PDB file of N, CA and C in Angstrom:
ATOM      1  N   MET A   1      13.651  -9.364 -10.793  1.00  0.00           N
ATOM      2  CA  MET A   1      13.273  -7.996 -10.515  1.00  0.00           C
ATOM      3  C   MET A   1      12.459  -7.939  -9.215  1.00  0.00           C
ATOM      4  N   ALA A   2      12.693  -6.929  -8.433  1.00  0.00           N
ATOM      5  CA  ALA A   2      11.982  -6.770  -7.164  1.00  0.00           C
ATOM      6  C   ALA A   2      10.544  -6.349  -7.415  1.00  0.00           C
ATOM      7  N   GLU A   3       9.635  -6.910  -6.636  1.00  0.00           N
ATOM      8  CA  GLU A   3       8.230  -6.564  -6.740  1.00  0.00           C
ATOM      9  C   GLU A   3       7.762  -5.944  -5.433  1.00  0.00           C
ATOM     10  N   LEU A   4       6.842  -4.996  -5.552  1.00  0.00           N
ATOM     11  CA  LEU A   4       6.306  -4.319  -4.380  1.00  0.00           C
ATOM     12  C   LEU A   4       5.232  -5.183  -3.736  1.00  0.00           C
ATOM     13  N   SER A   5       5.279  -5.306  -2.433  1.00  0.00           N
ATOM     14  CA  SER A   5       4.297  -6.076  -1.681  1.00  0.00           C
ATOM     15  C   SER A   5       3.558  -5.143  -0.729  1.00  0.00           C
ATOM     16  N   ALA A   6       2.238  -5.276  -0.685  1.00  0.00           N
ATOM     17  CA  ALA A   6       1.408  -4.421   0.173  1.00  0.00           C
ATOM     18  C   ALA A   6       1.087  -5.115   1.483  1.00  0.00           C
ATOM     19  N   ASN A   7       2.030  -5.845   2.011  1.00  0.00           N
ATOM     20  CA  ASN A   7       1.738  -6.678   3.166  1.00  0.00           C
ATOM     21  C   ASN A   7       1.399  -5.924   4.436  1.00  0.00           C
ATOM     22  N   GLY A   8       1.674  -4.616   4.521  1.00  0.00           N
ATOM     23  CA  GLY A   8       1.356  -3.864   5.733  1.00  0.00           C
ATOM     24  C   GLY A   8       0.118  -2.996   5.632  1.00  0.00           C
ATOM     25  N   LEU A   9      -0.441  -2.861   4.435  1.00  0.00           N
ATOM     26  CA  LEU A   9      -1.550  -1.927   4.238  1.00  0.00           C
ATOM     27  C   LEU A   9      -2.810  -2.350   4.987  1.00  0.00           C
ATOM     28  N   ARG A  10      -3.221  -3.583   4.848  1.00  0.00           N
ATOM     29  CA  ARG A  10      -4.457  -4.043   5.504  1.00  0.00           C
ATOM     30  C   ARG A  10      -4.357  -3.877   7.019  1.00  0.00           C
ATOM     31  N   GLN A  11      -3.245  -4.294   7.587  1.00  0.00           N
ATOM     32  CA  GLN A  11      -3.056  -4.191   9.031  1.00  0.00           C
ATOM     33  C   GLN A  11      -3.083  -2.726   9.478  1.00  0.00           C
ATOM     34  N   ALA A  12      -2.421  -1.853   8.742  1.00  0.00           N
ATOM     35  CA  ALA A  12      -2.383  -0.433   9.104  1.00  0.00           C
ATOM     36  C   ALA A  12      -3.770   0.194   8.991  1.00  0.00           C
ATOM     37  N   ARG A  13      -4.505  -0.172   7.951  1.00  0.00           N
ATOM     38  CA  ARG A  13      -5.861   0.363   7.767  1.00  0.00           C
ATOM     39  C   ARG A  13      -6.766  -0.070   8.913  1.00  0.00           C
ATOM     40  N   ARG A  14      -6.697  -1.332   9.258  1.00  0.00           N
ATOM     41  CA  ARG A  14      -7.527  -1.840  10.359  1.00  0.00           C
ATOM     42  C   ARG A  14      -7.137  -1.191  11.679  1.00  0.00           C
ATOM     43  N   ALA A  15      -5.836  -1.022  11.910  1.00  0.00           N
ATOM     44  CA  ALA A  15      -5.373  -0.385  13.151  1.00  0.00           C
ATOM     45  C   ALA A  15      -5.864   1.054  13.240  1.00  0.00           C
ATOM     46  N   ALA A  16      -6.036   1.702  12.090  1.00  0.00           N
ATOM     47  CA  ALA A  16      -6.545   3.071  12.057  1.00  0.00           C
ATOM     48  C   ALA A  16      -8.063   3.117  12.179  1.00  0.00           C
ATOM     49  N   GLY A  17      -8.705   1.947  12.185  1.00  0.00           N
ATOM     50  CA  GLY A  17     -10.164   1.884  12.312  1.00  0.00           C
ATOM     51  C   GLY A  17     -10.902   2.316  11.065  1.00  0.00           C
ATOM     52  N   LEU A  18     -10.275   2.115   9.911  1.00  0.00           N
ATOM     53  CA  LEU A  18     -10.883   2.534   8.646  1.00  0.00           C
ATOM     54  C   LEU A  18     -11.336   1.337   7.825  1.00  0.00           C
ATOM     55  N   THR A  19     -12.446   1.510   7.122  1.00  0.00           N
ATOM     56  CA  THR A  19     -12.856   0.509   6.149  1.00  0.00           C
ATOM     57  C   THR A  19     -12.098   0.785   4.855  1.00  0.00           C
ATOM     58  N   GLN A  20     -12.159  -0.163   3.944  1.00  0.00           N
ATOM     59  CA  GLN A  20     -11.537   0.064   2.634  1.00  0.00           C
ATOM     60  C   GLN A  20     -12.165   1.273   1.950  1.00  0.00           C
ATOM     61  N   ALA A  21     -13.470   1.414   2.070  1.00  0.00           N
ATOM     62  CA  ALA A  21     -14.169   2.547   1.442  1.00  0.00           C
ATOM     63  C   ALA A  21     -13.730   3.876   2.049  1.00  0.00           C
ATOM     64  N   GLU A  22     -13.611   3.919   3.374  1.00  0.00           N
ATOM     65  CA  GLU A  22     -13.189   5.160   4.042  1.00  0.00           C
ATOM     66  C   GLU A  22     -11.768   5.550   3.642  1.00  0.00           C
ATOM     67  N   LEU A  23     -10.867   4.565   3.614  1.00  0.00           N
ATOM     68  CA  LEU A  23      -9.494   4.862   3.212  1.00  0.00           C
ATOM     69  C   LEU A  23      -9.453   5.314   1.760  1.00  0.00           C
ATOM     70  N   GLY A  24     -10.199   4.632   0.914  1.00  0.00           N
ATOM     71  CA  GLY A  24     -10.254   5.020  -0.497  1.00  0.00           C
ATOM     72  C   GLY A  24     -10.723   6.454  -0.681  1.00  0.00           C
ATOM     73  N   THR A  25     -11.762   6.828   0.036  1.00  0.00           N
ATOM     74  CA  THR A  25     -12.278   8.198  -0.043  1.00  0.00           C
ATOM     75  C   THR A  25     -11.217   9.203   0.384  1.00  0.00           C
ATOM     76  N   ARG A  26     -10.500   8.900   1.444  1.00  0.00           N
ATOM     77  CA  ARG A  26      -9.484   9.826   1.952  1.00  0.00           C
ATOM     78  C   ARG A  26      -8.312  10.011   0.997  1.00  0.00           C
ATOM     79  N   VAL A  27      -8.003   8.986   0.204  1.00  0.00           N
ATOM     80  CA  VAL A  27      -6.872   9.113  -0.725  1.00  0.00           C
ATOM     81  C   VAL A  27      -7.312   9.328  -2.167  1.00  0.00           C
ATOM     82  N   GLY A  28      -8.629   9.348  -2.404  1.00  0.00           N
ATOM     83  CA  GLY A  28      -9.147   9.661  -3.732  1.00  0.00           C
ATOM     84  C   GLY A  28      -9.225   8.502  -4.703  1.00  0.00           C
ATOM     85  N   VAL A  29      -9.427   7.280  -4.176  1.00  0.00           N
ATOM     86  CA  VAL A  29      -9.607   6.107  -5.038  1.00  0.00           C
ATOM     87  C   VAL A  29     -10.814   5.316  -4.539  1.00  0.00           C
ATOM     88  N   SER A  30     -11.192   4.301  -5.287  1.00  0.00           N
ATOM     89  CA  SER A  30     -12.349   3.489  -4.905  1.00  0.00           C
ATOM     90  C   SER A  30     -11.982   2.444  -3.853  1.00  0.00           C
ATOM     91  N   ARG A  31     -13.010   1.899  -3.221  1.00  0.00           N
ATOM     92  CA  ARG A  31     -12.829   0.794  -2.287  1.00  0.00           C
ATOM     93  C   ARG A  31     -12.174  -0.382  -3.001  1.00  0.00           C
ATOM     94  N   LYS A  32     -12.578  -0.628  -4.229  1.00  0.00           N
ATOM     95  CA  LYS A  32     -12.032  -1.742  -5.017  1.00  0.00           C
ATOM     96  C   LYS A  32     -10.538  -1.575  -5.243  1.00  0.00           C
ATOM     97  N   THR A  33     -10.073  -0.348  -5.440  1.00  0.00           N
ATOM     98  CA  THR A  33      -8.641  -0.112  -5.614  1.00  0.00           C
ATOM     99  C   THR A  33      -7.890  -0.481  -4.341  1.00  0.00           C
ATOM    100  N   ILE A  34      -8.426  -0.076  -3.184  1.00  0.00           N
ATOM    101  CA  ILE A  34      -7.788  -0.429  -1.914  1.00  0.00           C
ATOM    102  C   ILE A  34      -7.766  -1.951  -1.765  1.00  0.00           C
ATOM    103  N   ASN A  35      -8.864  -2.605  -2.107  1.00  0.00           N
ATOM    104  CA  ASN A  35      -8.948  -4.059  -2.027  1.00  0.00           C
ATOM    105  C   ASN A  35      -7.897  -4.730  -2.900  1.00  0.00           C
ATOM    106  N   THR A  36      -7.747  -4.272  -4.124  1.00  0.00           N
ATOM    107  CA  THR A  36      -6.784  -4.906  -5.027  1.00  0.00           C
ATOM    108  C   THR A  36      -5.343  -4.639  -4.594  1.00  0.00           C
ATOM    109  N   ILE A  37      -5.087  -3.503  -3.963  1.00  0.00           N
ATOM    110  CA  ILE A  37      -3.743  -3.242  -3.430  1.00  0.00           C
ATOM    111  C   ILE A  37      -3.477  -4.176  -2.254  1.00  0.00           C
ATOM    112  N   GLU A  38      -4.436  -4.287  -1.348  1.00  0.00           N
ATOM    113  CA  GLU A  38      -4.263  -5.159  -0.179  1.00  0.00           C
ATOM    114  C   GLU A  38      -4.056  -6.621  -0.576  1.00  0.00           C
ATOM    115  N   ASN A  39      -4.703  -7.041  -1.662  1.00  0.00           N
ATOM    116  CA  ASN A  39      -4.586  -8.425  -2.126  1.00  0.00           C
ATOM    117  C   ASN A  39      -3.445  -8.609  -3.129  1.00  0.00           C
ATOM    118  N   GLU A  40      -2.635  -7.569  -3.287  1.00  0.00           N
ATOM    119  CA  GLU A  40      -1.455  -7.578  -4.139  1.00  0.00           C
ATOM    120  C   GLU A  40      -1.750  -7.925  -5.594  1.00  0.00           C
ATOM    121  N   VAL A  41      -2.940  -7.492  -6.065  1.00  0.00           N
ATOM    122  CA  VAL A  41      -3.313  -7.637  -7.460  1.00  0.00           C
ATOM    123  C   VAL A  41      -2.845  -6.407  -8.238  1.00  0.00           C
ATOM    124  N   PHE A  42      -2.821  -5.270  -7.559  1.00  0.00           N
ATOM    125  CA  PHE A  42      -2.486  -3.978  -8.159  1.00  0.00           C
ATOM    126  C   PHE A  42      -1.374  -3.338  -7.348  1.00  0.00           C
ATOM    127  N   VAL A  43      -0.391  -2.793  -8.040  1.00  0.00           N
ATOM    128  CA  VAL A  43       0.704  -2.066  -7.391  1.00  0.00           C
ATOM    129  C   VAL A  43       0.387  -0.577  -7.507  1.00  0.00           C
ATOM    130  N   PRO A  44       0.298   0.122  -6.385  1.00  0.00           N
ATOM    131  CA  PRO A  44      -0.051   1.546  -6.447  1.00  0.00           C
ATOM    132  C   PRO A  44       1.079   2.385  -7.039  1.00  0.00           C
ATOM    133  N   SER A  45       0.705   3.500  -7.610  1.00  0.00           N
ATOM    134  CA  SER A  45       1.701   4.463  -8.077  1.00  0.00           C
ATOM    135  C   SER A  45       2.437   5.015  -6.863  1.00  0.00           C
ATOM    136  N   THR A  46       3.562   5.638  -7.124  1.00  0.00           N
ATOM    137  CA  THR A  46       4.314   6.258  -6.033  1.00  0.00           C
ATOM    138  C   THR A  46       3.459   7.302  -5.332  1.00  0.00           C
ATOM    139  N   ALA A  47       2.737   8.103  -6.106  1.00  0.00           N
ATOM    140  CA  ALA A  47       1.896   9.154  -5.518  1.00  0.00           C
ATOM    141  C   ALA A  47       0.827   8.557  -4.608  1.00  0.00           C
ATOM    142  N   LEU A  48       0.187   7.470  -5.042  1.00  0.00           N
ATOM    143  CA  LEU A  48      -0.848   6.840  -4.220  1.00  0.00           C
ATOM    144  C   LEU A  48      -0.230   6.213  -2.973  1.00  0.00           C
ATOM    145  N   ALA A  49       0.912   5.564  -3.105  1.00  0.00           N
ATOM    146  CA  ALA A  49       1.582   4.982  -1.940  1.00  0.00           C
ATOM    147  C   ALA A  49       1.905   6.067  -0.917  1.00  0.00           C
ATOM    148  N   LEU A  50       2.341   7.220  -1.389  1.00  0.00           N
ATOM    149  CA  LEU A  50       2.656   8.325  -0.480  1.00  0.00           C
ATOM    150  C   LEU A  50       1.401   8.896   0.169  1.00  0.00           C
ATOM    151  N   ARG A  51       0.282   8.976  -0.582  1.00  0.00           N
ATOM    152  CA  ARG A  51      -0.978   9.449   0.004  1.00  0.00           C
ATOM    153  C   ARG A  51      -1.470   8.481   1.073  1.00  0.00           C
ATOM    154  N   LEU A  52      -1.363   7.184   0.807  1.00  0.00           N
ATOM    155  CA  LEU A  52      -1.755   6.180   1.804  1.00  0.00           C
ATOM    156  C   LEU A  52      -0.905   6.330   3.055  1.00  0.00           C
ATOM    157  N   SER A  53       0.376   6.510   2.874  1.00  0.00           N
ATOM    158  CA  SER A  53       1.294   6.708   3.987  1.00  0.00           C
ATOM    159  C   SER A  53       0.912   7.928   4.808  1.00  0.00           C
ATOM    160  N   GLU A  54       0.586   8.996   4.134  1.00  0.00           N
ATOM    161  CA  GLU A  54       0.214  10.247   4.822  1.00  0.00           C
ATOM    162  C   GLU A  54      -1.080  10.083   5.609  1.00  0.00           C
ATOM    163  N   VAL A  55      -2.090   9.502   4.983  1.00  0.00           N
ATOM    164  CA  VAL A  55      -3.389   9.329   5.643  1.00  0.00           C
ATOM    165  C   VAL A  55      -3.279   8.392   6.843  1.00  0.00           C
ATOM    166  N   LEU A  56      -2.476   7.347   6.711  1.00  0.00           N
ATOM    167  CA  LEU A  56      -2.323   6.377   7.801  1.00  0.00           C
ATOM    168  C   LEU A  56      -1.256   6.798   8.802  1.00  0.00           C
ATOM    169  N   ASN A  57      -0.594   7.908   8.519  1.00  0.00           N
ATOM    170  CA  ASN A  57       0.427   8.476   9.405  1.00  0.00           C
ATOM    171  C   ASN A  57       1.533   7.465   9.728  1.00  0.00           C
ATOM    172  N   LEU A  58       1.982   6.784   8.669  1.00  0.00           N
ATOM    173  CA  LEU A  58       3.050   5.799   8.790  1.00  0.00           C
ATOM    174  C   LEU A  58       4.049   5.992   7.657  1.00  0.00           C
ATOM    175  N   PRO A  59       5.305   5.646   7.885  1.00  0.00           N
ATOM    176  CA  PRO A  59       6.265   5.680   6.780  1.00  0.00           C
ATOM    177  C   PRO A  59       5.831   4.705   5.682  1.00  0.00           C
ATOM    178  N   VAL A  60       6.050   5.070   4.449  1.00  0.00           N
ATOM    179  CA  VAL A  60       5.620   4.233   3.328  1.00  0.00           C
ATOM    180  C   VAL A  60       6.233   2.834   3.413  1.00  0.00           C
ATOM    181  N   GLU A  61       7.438   2.723   3.959  1.00  0.00           N
ATOM    182  CA  GLU A  61       8.058   1.401   4.061  1.00  0.00           C
ATOM    183  C   GLU A  61       7.373   0.508   5.093  1.00  0.00           C
ATOM    184  N   ASN A  62       6.517   1.071   5.946  1.00  0.00           N
ATOM    185  CA  ASN A  62       5.708   0.247   6.851  1.00  0.00           C
ATOM    186  C   ASN A  62       4.516  -0.366   6.121  1.00  0.00           C
ATOM    187  N   LEU A  63       4.131   0.235   5.012  1.00  0.00           N
ATOM    188  CA  LEU A  63       2.990  -0.248   4.238  1.00  0.00           C
ATOM    189  C   LEU A  63       3.401  -1.163   3.101  1.00  0.00           C
ATOM    190  N   PHE A  64       4.519  -0.849   2.485  1.00  0.00           N
ATOM    191  CA  PHE A  64       4.955  -1.568   1.285  1.00  0.00           C
ATOM    192  C   PHE A  64       6.412  -1.972   1.417  1.00  0.00           C
ATOM    193  N   THR A  65       6.721  -3.174   0.985  1.00  0.00           N
ATOM    194  CA  THR A  65       8.095  -3.653   0.995  1.00  0.00           C
ATOM    195  C   THR A  65       8.409  -4.291  -0.352  1.00  0.00           C
ATOM    196  N   LEU A  66       9.676  -4.434  -0.627  1.00  0.00           N
ATOM    197  CA  LEU A  66      10.087  -5.150  -1.826  1.00  0.00           C
ATOM    198  C   LEU A  66      10.153  -6.631  -1.496  1.00  0.00           C
ATOM    199  N   SER A  67       9.585  -7.449  -2.372  1.00  0.00           N
ATOM    200  CA  SER A  67       9.582  -8.885  -2.116  1.00  0.00           C
ATOM    201  C   SER A  67      10.959  -9.490  -2.357  1.00  0.00           C
ATOM    202  N   LYS A  68      11.805  -8.800  -3.101  1.00  0.00           N
ATOM    203  CA  LYS A  68      13.173  -9.243  -3.327  1.00  0.00           C
ATOM    204  C   LYS A  68      14.048  -8.002  -3.269  1.00  0.00           C
ATOM    205  N   SER A  69      15.096  -8.070  -2.518  1.00  0.00           N
ATOM    206  CA  SER A  69      15.993  -6.928  -2.381  1.00  0.00           C
ATOM    207  C   SER A  69      16.541  -6.492  -3.729  1.00  0.00           C
ATOM    208  N   ILE A  70      16.589  -5.194  -3.952  1.00  0.00           N
ATOM    209  CA  ILE A  70      17.151  -4.697  -5.207  1.00  0.00           C
ATOM    210  C   ILE A  70      18.632  -5.020  -5.286  1.00  0.00           C
ATOM    211  N   HIS A  71      19.265  -5.267  -4.143  1.00  0.00           N
ATOM    212  CA  HIS A  71      20.672  -5.635  -4.141  1.00  0.00           C
ATOM    213  C   HIS A  71      20.875  -7.082  -4.585  1.00  0.00           C
ATOM    214  N   GLU A  72      19.830  -7.883  -4.488  1.00  0.00           N
ATOM    215  CA  GLU A  72      19.900  -9.272  -4.921  1.00  0.00           C
ATOM    216  C   GLU A  72      19.562  -9.427  -6.394  1.00  0.00           C
ATOM    217  N   ALA A  73      18.903  -8.425  -6.954  1.00  0.00           N
ATOM    218  CA  ALA A  73      18.492  -8.496  -8.354  1.00  0.00           C
ATOM    219  C   ALA A  73      19.720  -8.481  -9.256  1.00  0.00           C
ATOM    220  N   LYS A  74      19.683  -9.311 -10.267  1.00  0.00           N
ATOM    221  CA  LYS A  74      20.790  -9.379 -11.221  1.00  0.00           C
ATOM    222  C   LYS A  74      20.491  -8.479 -12.400  1.00  0.00           C
ATOM    223  N   PRO A  75      21.508  -7.826 -12.932  1.00  0.00           N
ATOM    224  CA  PRO A  75      21.288  -6.901 -14.067  1.00  0.00           C
ATOM    225  C   PRO A  75      20.809  -7.599 -15.305  1.00  0.00           C
TER     226      PRO A  75
END
């Protein structure tokens, strides 16, 4: 099964000049939530991923990718 990877979030946040706390405040979550997403401990909901995308002014696929293609996944 494909898993979501937050490999672009930390880089995008830093490029925007935001701390984890500032980004969390802007999207309505705690600094710890941003930290756990960046460290791939927690997978954000679709709504949160879209809010992060909006605040960082980037397409959601620039922030999150699938670690395994859904086309490679076996039924």
